[in-house]
Amino acid sequence: MLLNAPARLVRRARKRLTRLDDTHPHQTDLILAWNKIHAMVTPP
């Protein structure tokens, strides 16, 4: 499910962003998972 999500890679203000499709049924789950992964990698 995570690897097959319709998304677009964009560049904005020198940052690379992933834009998820608003109509994807698991959009909130994907955002929650990404935030949890990012919290594990980011030092306190």
PDB file of N, CA and C in Angstrom:
ATOM      1  N   MET A   1       0.825  -1.189   0.000  1.00  0.00           N
ATOM      2  CA  MET A   1       0.000   0.000   0.000  1.00  0.00           C
ATOM      3  C   MET A   1       0.872   1.258   0.000  1.00  0.00           C
ATOM      4  N   LEU A   2       1.918   1.281   0.814  1.00  0.00           N
ATOM      5  CA  LEU A   2       2.752   2.471   0.905  1.00  0.00           C
ATOM      6  C   LEU A   2       3.496   2.740  -0.391  1.00  0.00           C
ATOM      7  N   LEU A   3       3.972   1.706  -1.047  1.00  0.00           N
ATOM      8  CA  LEU A   3       4.742   1.887  -2.268  1.00  0.00           C
ATOM      9  C   LEU A   3       3.871   2.172  -3.486  1.00  0.00           C
ATOM     10  N   ASN A   4       2.591   1.898  -3.406  1.00  0.00           N
ATOM     11  CA  ASN A   4       1.697   2.102  -4.541  1.00  0.00           C
ATOM     12  C   ASN A   4       0.801   3.326  -4.390  1.00  0.00           C
ATOM     13  N   ALA A   5       1.124   4.203  -3.473  1.00  0.00           N
ATOM     14  CA  ALA A   5       0.301   5.392  -3.264  1.00  0.00           C
ATOM     15  C   ALA A   5       0.545   6.392  -4.386  1.00  0.00           C
ATOM     16  N   PRO A   6      -0.518   6.945  -4.965  1.00  0.00           N
ATOM     17  CA  PRO A   6      -0.331   7.954  -6.005  1.00  0.00           C
ATOM     18  C   PRO A   6       0.191   9.250  -5.390  1.00  0.00           C
ATOM     19  N   ALA A   7       1.378   9.652  -5.799  1.00  0.00           N
ATOM     20  CA  ALA A   7       1.993  10.858  -5.252  1.00  0.00           C
ATOM     21  C   ALA A   7       2.835  11.518  -6.323  1.00  0.00           C
ATOM     22  N   ARG A   8       3.208  12.743  -6.053  1.00  0.00           N
ATOM     23  CA  ARG A   8       4.029  13.506  -6.978  1.00  0.00           C
ATOM     24  C   ARG A   8       5.191  14.104  -6.192  1.00  0.00           C
ATOM     25  N   LEU A   9       6.390  13.966  -6.730  1.00  0.00           N
ATOM     26  CA  LEU A   9       7.554  14.598  -6.118  1.00  0.00           C
ATOM     27  C   LEU A   9       7.680  16.011  -6.663  1.00  0.00           C
ATOM     28  N   VAL A  10       7.755  16.990  -5.772  1.00  0.00           N
ATOM     29  CA  VAL A  10       7.847  18.384  -6.184  1.00  0.00           C
ATOM     30  C   VAL A  10       8.978  19.065  -5.423  1.00  0.00           C
ATOM     31  N   ARG A  11       9.462  20.165  -5.986  1.00  0.00           N
ATOM     32  CA  ARG A  11      10.463  20.989  -5.314  1.00  0.00           C
ATOM     33  C   ARG A  11       9.833  22.333  -5.004  1.00  0.00           C
ATOM     34  N   ARG A  12       9.999  22.753  -3.756  1.00  0.00           N
ATOM     35  CA  ARG A  12       9.438  24.030  -3.335  1.00  0.00           C
ATOM     36  C   ARG A  12      10.369  24.640  -2.296  1.00  0.00           C
ATOM     37  N   ALA A  13      10.813  25.839  -2.538  1.00  0.00           N
ATOM     38  CA  ALA A  13      11.694  26.563  -1.619  1.00  0.00           C
ATOM     39  C   ALA A  13      12.919  25.725  -1.257  1.00  0.00           C
ATOM     40  N   ARG A  14      13.544  25.158  -2.287  1.00  0.00           N
ATOM     41  CA  ARG A  14      14.757  24.346  -2.141  1.00  0.00           C
ATOM     42  C   ARG A  14      14.549  23.067  -1.338  1.00  0.00           C
ATOM     43  N   LYS A  15      13.331  22.635  -1.172  1.00  0.00           N
ATOM     44  CA  LYS A  15      13.033  21.390  -0.466  1.00  0.00           C
ATOM     45  C   LYS A  15      12.319  20.448  -1.417  1.00  0.00           C
ATOM     46  N   ARG A  16      12.522  19.185  -1.219  1.00  0.00           N
ATOM     47  CA  ARG A  16      11.795  18.175  -1.999  1.00  0.00           C
ATOM     48  C   ARG A  16      10.619  17.698  -1.171  1.00  0.00           C
ATOM     49  N   LEU A  17       9.453  17.733  -1.775  1.00  0.00           N
ATOM     50  CA  LEU A  17       8.221  17.351  -1.092  1.00  0.00           C
ATOM     51  C   LEU A  17       7.532  16.234  -1.850  1.00  0.00           C
ATOM     52  N   THR A  18       6.773  15.455  -1.133  1.00  0.00           N
ATOM     53  CA  THR A  18       5.936  14.428  -1.731  1.00  0.00           C
ATOM     54  C   THR A  18       4.494  14.853  -1.539  1.00  0.00           C
ATOM     55  N   ARG A  19       3.813  15.056  -2.640  1.00  0.00           N
ATOM     56  CA  ARG A  19       2.404  15.453  -2.570  1.00  0.00           C
ATOM     57  C   ARG A  19       1.538  14.230  -2.826  1.00  0.00           C
ATOM     58  N   LEU A  20       0.729  13.873  -1.842  1.00  0.00           N
ATOM     59  CA  LEU A  20      -0.164  12.732  -1.969  1.00  0.00           C
ATOM     60  C   LEU A  20      -1.462  13.155  -2.630  1.00  0.00           C
ATOM     61  N   ASP A  21      -2.069  12.221  -3.328  1.00  0.00           N
ATOM     62  CA  ASP A  21      -3.360  12.463  -3.961  1.00  0.00           C
ATOM     63  C   ASP A  21      -4.429  12.617  -2.874  1.00  0.00           C
ATOM     64  N   ASP A  22      -5.245  13.657  -2.965  1.00  0.00           N
ATOM     65  CA  ASP A  22      -6.281  13.915  -1.959  1.00  0.00           C
ATOM     66  C   ASP A  22      -7.362  12.848  -1.923  1.00  0.00           C
ATOM     67  N   THR A  23      -7.534  12.115  -3.004  1.00  0.00           N
ATOM     68  CA  THR A  23      -8.616  11.138  -3.058  1.00  0.00           C
ATOM     69  C   THR A  23      -8.181   9.732  -2.639  1.00  0.00           C
ATOM     70  N   HIS A  24      -6.922   9.555  -2.270  1.00  0.00           N
ATOM     71  CA  HIS A  24      -6.443   8.230  -1.891  1.00  0.00           C
ATOM     72  C   HIS A  24      -7.097   7.819  -0.566  1.00  0.00           C
ATOM     73  N   PRO A  25      -7.651   6.604  -0.481  1.00  0.00           N
ATOM     74  CA  PRO A  25      -8.384   6.198   0.724  1.00  0.00           C
ATOM     75  C   PRO A  25      -7.508   6.040   1.967  1.00  0.00           C
ATOM     76  N   HIS A  26      -6.212   5.870   1.807  1.00  0.00           N
ATOM     77  CA  HIS A  26      -5.327   5.667   2.956  1.00  0.00           C
ATOM     78  C   HIS A  26      -4.393   6.846   3.186  1.00  0.00           C
ATOM     79  N   GLN A  27      -4.796   8.020   2.736  1.00  0.00           N
ATOM     80  CA  GLN A  27      -3.940   9.197   2.835  1.00  0.00           C
ATOM     81  C   GLN A  27      -3.576   9.513   4.285  1.00  0.00           C
ATOM     82  N   THR A  28      -4.527   9.498   5.198  1.00  0.00           N
ATOM     83  CA  THR A  28      -4.227   9.830   6.590  1.00  0.00           C
ATOM     84  C   THR A  28      -3.312   8.788   7.222  1.00  0.00           C
ATOM     85  N   ASP A  29      -3.476   7.513   6.854  1.00  0.00           N
ATOM     86  CA  ASP A  29      -2.599   6.470   7.378  1.00  0.00           C
ATOM     87  C   ASP A  29      -1.165   6.654   6.890  1.00  0.00           C
ATOM     88  N   LEU A  30      -1.006   7.034   5.635  1.00  0.00           N
ATOM     89  CA  LEU A  30       0.321   7.260   5.076  1.00  0.00           C
ATOM     90  C   LEU A  30       1.012   8.452   5.737  1.00  0.00           C
ATOM     91  N   ILE A  31       0.267   9.507   5.981  1.00  0.00           N
ATOM     92  CA  ILE A  31       0.835  10.689   6.636  1.00  0.00           C
ATOM     93  C   ILE A  31       1.232  10.354   8.072  1.00  0.00           C
ATOM     94  N   LEU A  32       0.397   9.617   8.771  1.00  0.00           N
ATOM     95  CA  LEU A  32       0.713   9.213  10.140  1.00  0.00           C
ATOM     96  C   LEU A  32       1.968   8.340  10.183  1.00  0.00           C
ATOM     97  N   ALA A  33       2.061   7.384   9.271  1.00  0.00           N
ATOM     98  CA  ALA A  33       3.241   6.515   9.218  1.00  0.00           C
ATOM     99  C   ALA A  33       4.490   7.329   8.907  1.00  0.00           C
ATOM    100  N   TRP A  34       4.408   8.256   7.971  1.00  0.00           N
ATOM    101  CA  TRP A  34       5.565   9.087   7.626  1.00  0.00           C
ATOM    102  C   TRP A  34       6.010   9.915   8.827  1.00  0.00           C
ATOM    103  N   ASN A  35       5.061  10.488   9.565  1.00  0.00           N
ATOM    104  CA  ASN A  35       5.408  11.293  10.734  1.00  0.00           C
ATOM    105  C   ASN A  35       6.067  10.452  11.817  1.00  0.00           C
ATOM    106  N   LYS A  36       5.621   9.213  11.998  1.00  0.00           N
ATOM    107  CA  LYS A  36       6.234   8.327  12.981  1.00  0.00           C
ATOM    108  C   LYS A  36       7.646   7.949  12.572  1.00  0.00           C
ATOM    109  N   ILE A  37       7.858   7.668  11.290  1.00  0.00           N
ATOM    110  CA  ILE A  37       9.199   7.341  10.811  1.00  0.00           C
ATOM    111  C   ILE A  37      10.115   8.546  10.961  1.00  0.00           C
ATOM    112  N   HIS A  38       9.626   9.713  10.620  1.00  0.00           N
ATOM    113  CA  HIS A  38      10.430  10.929  10.721  1.00  0.00           C
ATOM    114  C   HIS A  38      10.793  11.216  12.182  1.00  0.00           C
ATOM    115  N   ALA A  39       9.894  10.943  13.117  1.00  0.00           N
ATOM    116  CA  ALA A  39      10.160  11.166  14.539  1.00  0.00           C
ATOM    117  C   ALA A  39      11.239  10.219  15.044  1.00  0.00           C
ATOM    118  N   MET A  40      11.315   9.017  14.502  1.00  0.00           N
ATOM    119  CA  MET A  40      12.336   8.062  14.926  1.00  0.00           C
ATOM    120  C   MET A  40      13.717   8.483  14.421  1.00  0.00           C
ATOM    121  N   VAL A  41      13.796   9.107  13.264  1.00  0.00           N
ATOM    122  CA  VAL A  41      15.063   9.473  12.656  1.00  0.00           C
ATOM    123  C   VAL A  41      15.582  10.800  13.197  1.00  0.00           C
ATOM    124  N   THR A  42      14.699  11.733  13.505  1.00  0.00           N
ATOM    125  CA  THR A  42      15.084  13.055  13.948  1.00  0.00           C
ATOM    126  C   THR A  42      15.599  13.016  15.390  1.00  0.00           C
ATOM    127  N   PRO A  43      16.809  13.525  15.631  1.00  0.00           N
ATOM    128  CA  PRO A  43      17.326  13.533  17.002  1.00  0.00           C
ATOM    129  C   PRO A  43      16.552  14.521  17.872  1.00  0.00           C
ATOM    130  N   PRO A  44      16.474  14.268  19.163  1.00  0.00           N
ATOM    131  CA  PRO A  44      15.693  15.174  20.061  1.00  0.00           C
ATOM    132  C   PRO A  44      16.309  16.541  20.212  1.00  0.00           C
TER     133      PRO A  44
END
